[in-house]
N, C-alpha and C. Protein backbone atom coordinates (compact mmCIF):
# COMPACT_ATOMS: atom_id res chain seq x y z
N MET A 1 -17.76 -77.86 7.94
CA MET A 1 -17.46 -78.18 6.55
C MET A 1 -17.66 -79.68 6.32
N THR A 2 -18.60 -80.00 5.52
CA THR A 2 -18.91 -81.40 5.30
C THR A 2 -17.92 -82.09 4.36
N ASP A 3 -17.12 -81.32 3.63
CA ASP A 3 -16.17 -81.91 2.71
C ASP A 3 -14.81 -82.19 3.35
N CYS A 4 -14.65 -81.87 4.61
CA CYS A 4 -13.36 -82.05 5.28
C CYS A 4 -13.11 -83.53 5.57
N ILE A 5 -12.13 -84.10 4.91
CA ILE A 5 -11.82 -85.52 5.09
C ILE A 5 -11.40 -85.83 6.52
N PHE A 6 -10.69 -84.90 7.15
CA PHE A 6 -10.25 -85.13 8.52
C PHE A 6 -11.43 -85.15 9.49
N CYS A 7 -12.40 -84.27 9.27
CA CYS A 7 -13.61 -84.28 10.10
C CYS A 7 -14.36 -85.60 9.94
N LYS A 8 -14.43 -86.07 8.70
CA LYS A 8 -15.13 -87.33 8.43
C LYS A 8 -14.41 -88.51 9.10
N ILE A 9 -13.09 -88.51 9.08
CA ILE A 9 -12.33 -89.57 9.76
C ILE A 9 -12.55 -89.48 11.26
N ALA A 10 -12.47 -88.26 11.81
CA ALA A 10 -12.63 -88.06 13.25
C ALA A 10 -13.99 -88.50 13.75
N HIS A 11 -15.00 -88.40 12.90
CA HIS A 11 -16.36 -88.78 13.28
C HIS A 11 -16.78 -90.14 12.72
N HIS A 12 -15.80 -90.92 12.26
CA HIS A 12 -16.02 -92.29 11.76
C HIS A 12 -16.98 -92.36 10.59
N GLU A 13 -16.97 -91.33 9.76
CA GLU A 13 -17.80 -91.33 8.56
C GLU A 13 -17.02 -91.88 7.36
N VAL A 14 -15.70 -91.97 7.51
CA VAL A 14 -14.81 -92.51 6.49
C VAL A 14 -13.92 -93.54 7.16
N ASN A 15 -13.76 -94.68 6.55
CA ASN A 15 -12.89 -95.71 7.12
C ASN A 15 -11.44 -95.26 7.12
N SER A 16 -10.75 -95.57 8.19
CA SER A 16 -9.33 -95.28 8.29
C SER A 16 -8.72 -96.25 9.29
N ARG A 17 -7.41 -96.34 9.27
CA ARG A 17 -6.70 -97.22 10.19
C ARG A 17 -6.33 -96.42 11.44
N ILE A 18 -7.28 -96.31 12.35
CA ILE A 18 -7.09 -95.55 13.58
C ILE A 18 -6.21 -96.35 14.54
N VAL A 19 -5.19 -95.66 15.08
CA VAL A 19 -4.28 -96.32 16.02
C VAL A 19 -4.44 -95.79 17.44
N PHE A 20 -5.12 -94.66 17.59
CA PHE A 20 -5.37 -94.09 18.92
C PHE A 20 -6.58 -93.18 18.83
N GLU A 21 -7.37 -93.19 19.89
CA GLU A 21 -8.51 -92.29 19.95
C GLU A 21 -8.91 -92.08 21.39
N ASN A 22 -9.21 -90.83 21.73
CA ASN A 22 -9.83 -90.53 23.01
C ASN A 22 -10.92 -89.50 22.75
N GLU A 23 -11.40 -88.82 23.80
CA GLU A 23 -12.51 -87.90 23.62
C GLU A 23 -12.16 -86.67 22.78
N ARG A 24 -10.86 -86.33 22.67
CA ARG A 24 -10.45 -85.12 21.94
C ARG A 24 -9.60 -85.37 20.71
N ILE A 25 -8.87 -86.49 20.69
CA ILE A 25 -7.83 -86.70 19.68
C ILE A 25 -8.05 -88.02 18.95
N VAL A 26 -7.70 -88.04 17.68
CA VAL A 26 -7.69 -89.28 16.92
C VAL A 26 -6.38 -89.31 16.11
N ALA A 27 -5.75 -90.48 16.09
CA ALA A 27 -4.51 -90.68 15.32
C ALA A 27 -4.75 -91.83 14.35
N PHE A 28 -4.30 -91.64 13.12
CA PHE A 28 -4.56 -92.66 12.10
C PHE A 28 -3.45 -92.64 11.06
N HIS A 29 -3.34 -93.74 10.32
CA HIS A 29 -2.34 -93.87 9.26
C HIS A 29 -2.73 -93.01 8.07
N ASP A 30 -1.75 -92.31 7.51
CA ASP A 30 -1.95 -91.52 6.31
C ASP A 30 -2.24 -92.46 5.14
N LEU A 31 -3.19 -92.09 4.30
CA LEU A 31 -3.52 -92.93 3.13
C LEU A 31 -2.41 -92.94 2.10
N PHE A 32 -1.62 -91.86 2.06
CA PHE A 32 -0.52 -91.75 1.11
C PHE A 32 0.75 -91.42 1.89
N PRO A 33 1.29 -92.41 2.61
CA PRO A 33 2.41 -92.14 3.52
C PRO A 33 3.67 -91.68 2.79
N ALA A 34 4.36 -90.74 3.44
CA ALA A 34 5.64 -90.25 2.93
C ALA A 34 6.80 -90.89 3.68
N ALA A 35 6.49 -91.80 4.58
CA ALA A 35 7.50 -92.51 5.37
C ALA A 35 6.92 -93.87 5.72
N PRO A 36 7.75 -94.82 6.12
CA PRO A 36 7.24 -96.15 6.48
C PRO A 36 6.16 -96.10 7.57
N THR A 37 6.34 -95.25 8.54
CA THR A 37 5.30 -95.00 9.55
C THR A 37 4.92 -93.53 9.44
N HIS A 38 3.69 -93.28 9.00
CA HIS A 38 3.23 -91.90 8.79
C HIS A 38 1.83 -91.77 9.37
N LEU A 39 1.77 -91.23 10.59
CA LEU A 39 0.49 -91.06 11.27
C LEU A 39 0.08 -89.60 11.25
N LEU A 40 -1.21 -89.38 11.20
CA LEU A 40 -1.77 -88.04 11.36
C LEU A 40 -2.49 -88.02 12.70
N ILE A 41 -2.25 -86.97 13.47
CA ILE A 41 -2.84 -86.86 14.80
C ILE A 41 -3.59 -85.54 14.83
N ILE A 42 -4.91 -85.62 15.00
CA ILE A 42 -5.75 -84.43 14.90
C ILE A 42 -6.70 -84.31 16.08
N HIS A 43 -7.18 -83.11 16.28
CA HIS A 43 -8.24 -82.85 17.26
C HIS A 43 -9.56 -83.19 16.58
N LYS A 44 -10.50 -83.70 17.33
CA LYS A 44 -11.79 -84.08 16.74
C LYS A 44 -12.63 -82.87 16.33
N ARG A 45 -12.35 -81.72 16.94
CA ARG A 45 -13.05 -80.50 16.54
C ARG A 45 -12.20 -79.81 15.48
N ARG A 46 -12.82 -79.34 14.44
CA ARG A 46 -12.08 -78.74 13.34
C ARG A 46 -11.29 -77.52 13.79
N LEU A 47 -9.99 -77.57 13.59
CA LEU A 47 -9.09 -76.46 13.87
C LEU A 47 -8.25 -76.26 12.62
N THR A 48 -8.50 -75.21 11.89
CA THR A 48 -7.80 -74.98 10.62
C THR A 48 -6.39 -74.46 10.84
N THR A 49 -6.23 -73.60 11.83
CA THR A 49 -4.91 -73.03 12.13
C THR A 49 -4.71 -73.00 13.64
N LEU A 50 -3.49 -72.72 14.06
CA LEU A 50 -3.22 -72.58 15.49
C LEU A 50 -4.00 -71.41 16.08
N ASP A 51 -4.33 -70.43 15.27
CA ASP A 51 -5.15 -69.31 15.74
C ASP A 51 -6.54 -69.76 16.16
N ASP A 52 -6.97 -70.94 15.69
CA ASP A 52 -8.29 -71.47 16.05
C ASP A 52 -8.31 -72.13 17.41
N VAL A 53 -7.15 -72.27 18.04
CA VAL A 53 -7.08 -72.88 19.37
C VAL A 53 -7.22 -71.77 20.40
N PRO A 54 -8.35 -71.73 21.12
CA PRO A 54 -8.52 -70.69 22.12
C PRO A 54 -7.53 -70.88 23.27
N ALA A 55 -7.19 -69.78 23.94
CA ALA A 55 -6.25 -69.84 25.06
C ALA A 55 -6.70 -70.86 26.10
N SER A 56 -8.00 -71.00 26.28
CA SER A 56 -8.52 -71.95 27.26
C SER A 56 -8.25 -73.40 26.87
N GLN A 57 -7.87 -73.63 25.62
CA GLN A 57 -7.59 -74.98 25.12
C GLN A 57 -6.10 -75.18 24.79
N ALA A 58 -5.25 -74.31 25.30
CA ALA A 58 -3.82 -74.38 24.99
C ALA A 58 -3.23 -75.74 25.35
N ALA A 59 -3.75 -76.38 26.38
CA ALA A 59 -3.24 -77.70 26.78
C ALA A 59 -3.44 -78.73 25.68
N LEU A 60 -4.36 -78.48 24.77
CA LEU A 60 -4.61 -79.39 23.65
C LEU A 60 -3.35 -79.59 22.82
N LEU A 61 -2.60 -78.53 22.61
CA LEU A 61 -1.38 -78.63 21.81
C LEU A 61 -0.38 -79.57 22.48
N GLY A 62 -0.27 -79.48 23.78
CA GLY A 62 0.60 -80.40 24.52
C GLY A 62 0.09 -81.83 24.42
N ALA A 63 -1.23 -81.99 24.46
CA ALA A 63 -1.81 -83.33 24.35
C ALA A 63 -1.52 -83.95 22.99
N LEU A 64 -1.55 -83.14 21.94
CA LEU A 64 -1.24 -83.64 20.60
C LEU A 64 0.22 -84.10 20.52
N ILE A 65 1.13 -83.30 21.08
CA ILE A 65 2.55 -83.67 21.07
C ILE A 65 2.79 -84.89 21.94
N SER A 66 2.16 -84.95 23.09
CA SER A 66 2.32 -86.12 23.98
C SER A 66 1.81 -87.39 23.31
N THR A 67 0.71 -87.28 22.59
CA THR A 67 0.16 -88.43 21.87
C THR A 67 1.14 -88.88 20.79
N ALA A 68 1.69 -87.94 20.05
CA ALA A 68 2.67 -88.28 19.01
C ALA A 68 3.88 -88.97 19.62
N THR A 69 4.37 -88.45 20.72
CA THR A 69 5.53 -89.03 21.38
C THR A 69 5.24 -90.46 21.85
N ALA A 70 4.10 -90.64 22.49
CA ALA A 70 3.73 -91.97 23.00
C ALA A 70 3.57 -92.99 21.88
N LEU A 71 2.93 -92.58 20.78
CA LEU A 71 2.74 -93.50 19.65
C LEU A 71 4.07 -93.84 18.99
N ALA A 72 4.95 -92.88 18.86
CA ALA A 72 6.26 -93.13 18.26
C ALA A 72 7.07 -94.08 19.14
N LYS A 73 7.09 -93.83 20.43
CA LYS A 73 7.83 -94.70 21.34
C LYS A 73 7.27 -96.12 21.34
N ALA A 74 5.95 -96.24 21.32
CA ALA A 74 5.31 -97.56 21.31
C ALA A 74 5.68 -98.34 20.06
N ASP A 75 5.97 -97.63 18.98
CA ASP A 75 6.33 -98.26 17.72
C ASP A 75 7.85 -98.33 17.53
N GLY A 76 8.60 -97.91 18.55
CA GLY A 76 10.05 -97.94 18.46
C GLY A 76 10.62 -96.91 17.52
N LYS A 77 9.90 -95.84 17.30
CA LYS A 77 10.30 -94.79 16.35
C LYS A 77 10.63 -93.50 17.08
N GLU A 78 11.23 -92.56 16.33
CA GLU A 78 11.42 -91.22 16.84
C GLU A 78 10.50 -90.30 16.05
N ILE A 79 10.19 -89.16 16.62
CA ILE A 79 9.30 -88.21 15.96
C ILE A 79 10.11 -87.31 15.04
N VAL A 80 9.62 -87.15 13.82
CA VAL A 80 10.21 -86.20 12.88
C VAL A 80 9.10 -85.23 12.53
N MET A 81 9.31 -83.98 12.89
CA MET A 81 8.30 -82.95 12.61
C MET A 81 8.77 -82.14 11.42
N ASP A 82 7.92 -82.07 10.42
CA ASP A 82 8.25 -81.33 9.20
C ASP A 82 7.60 -79.97 9.26
N ALA A 83 8.36 -78.94 9.01
CA ALA A 83 7.83 -77.58 9.06
C ALA A 83 7.09 -77.23 7.80
């Protein structure tokens, strides 16, 4: 999907304030933050729902949570997950 803003950010087609990136994950500041520190942490491959994560990639979910935890701790924050 070429209109996906998250895909464009992940592939550096749209400027964003990236705070972490590796071969699978990118974390960046939300353009319209709902909190003083509001980061979005996404997989570089488009995953619309959790059903899109194959069983062989289940460790990815742990990597996303670990990244969130590390970034929050580095910033002296706690993680708040909104359902």
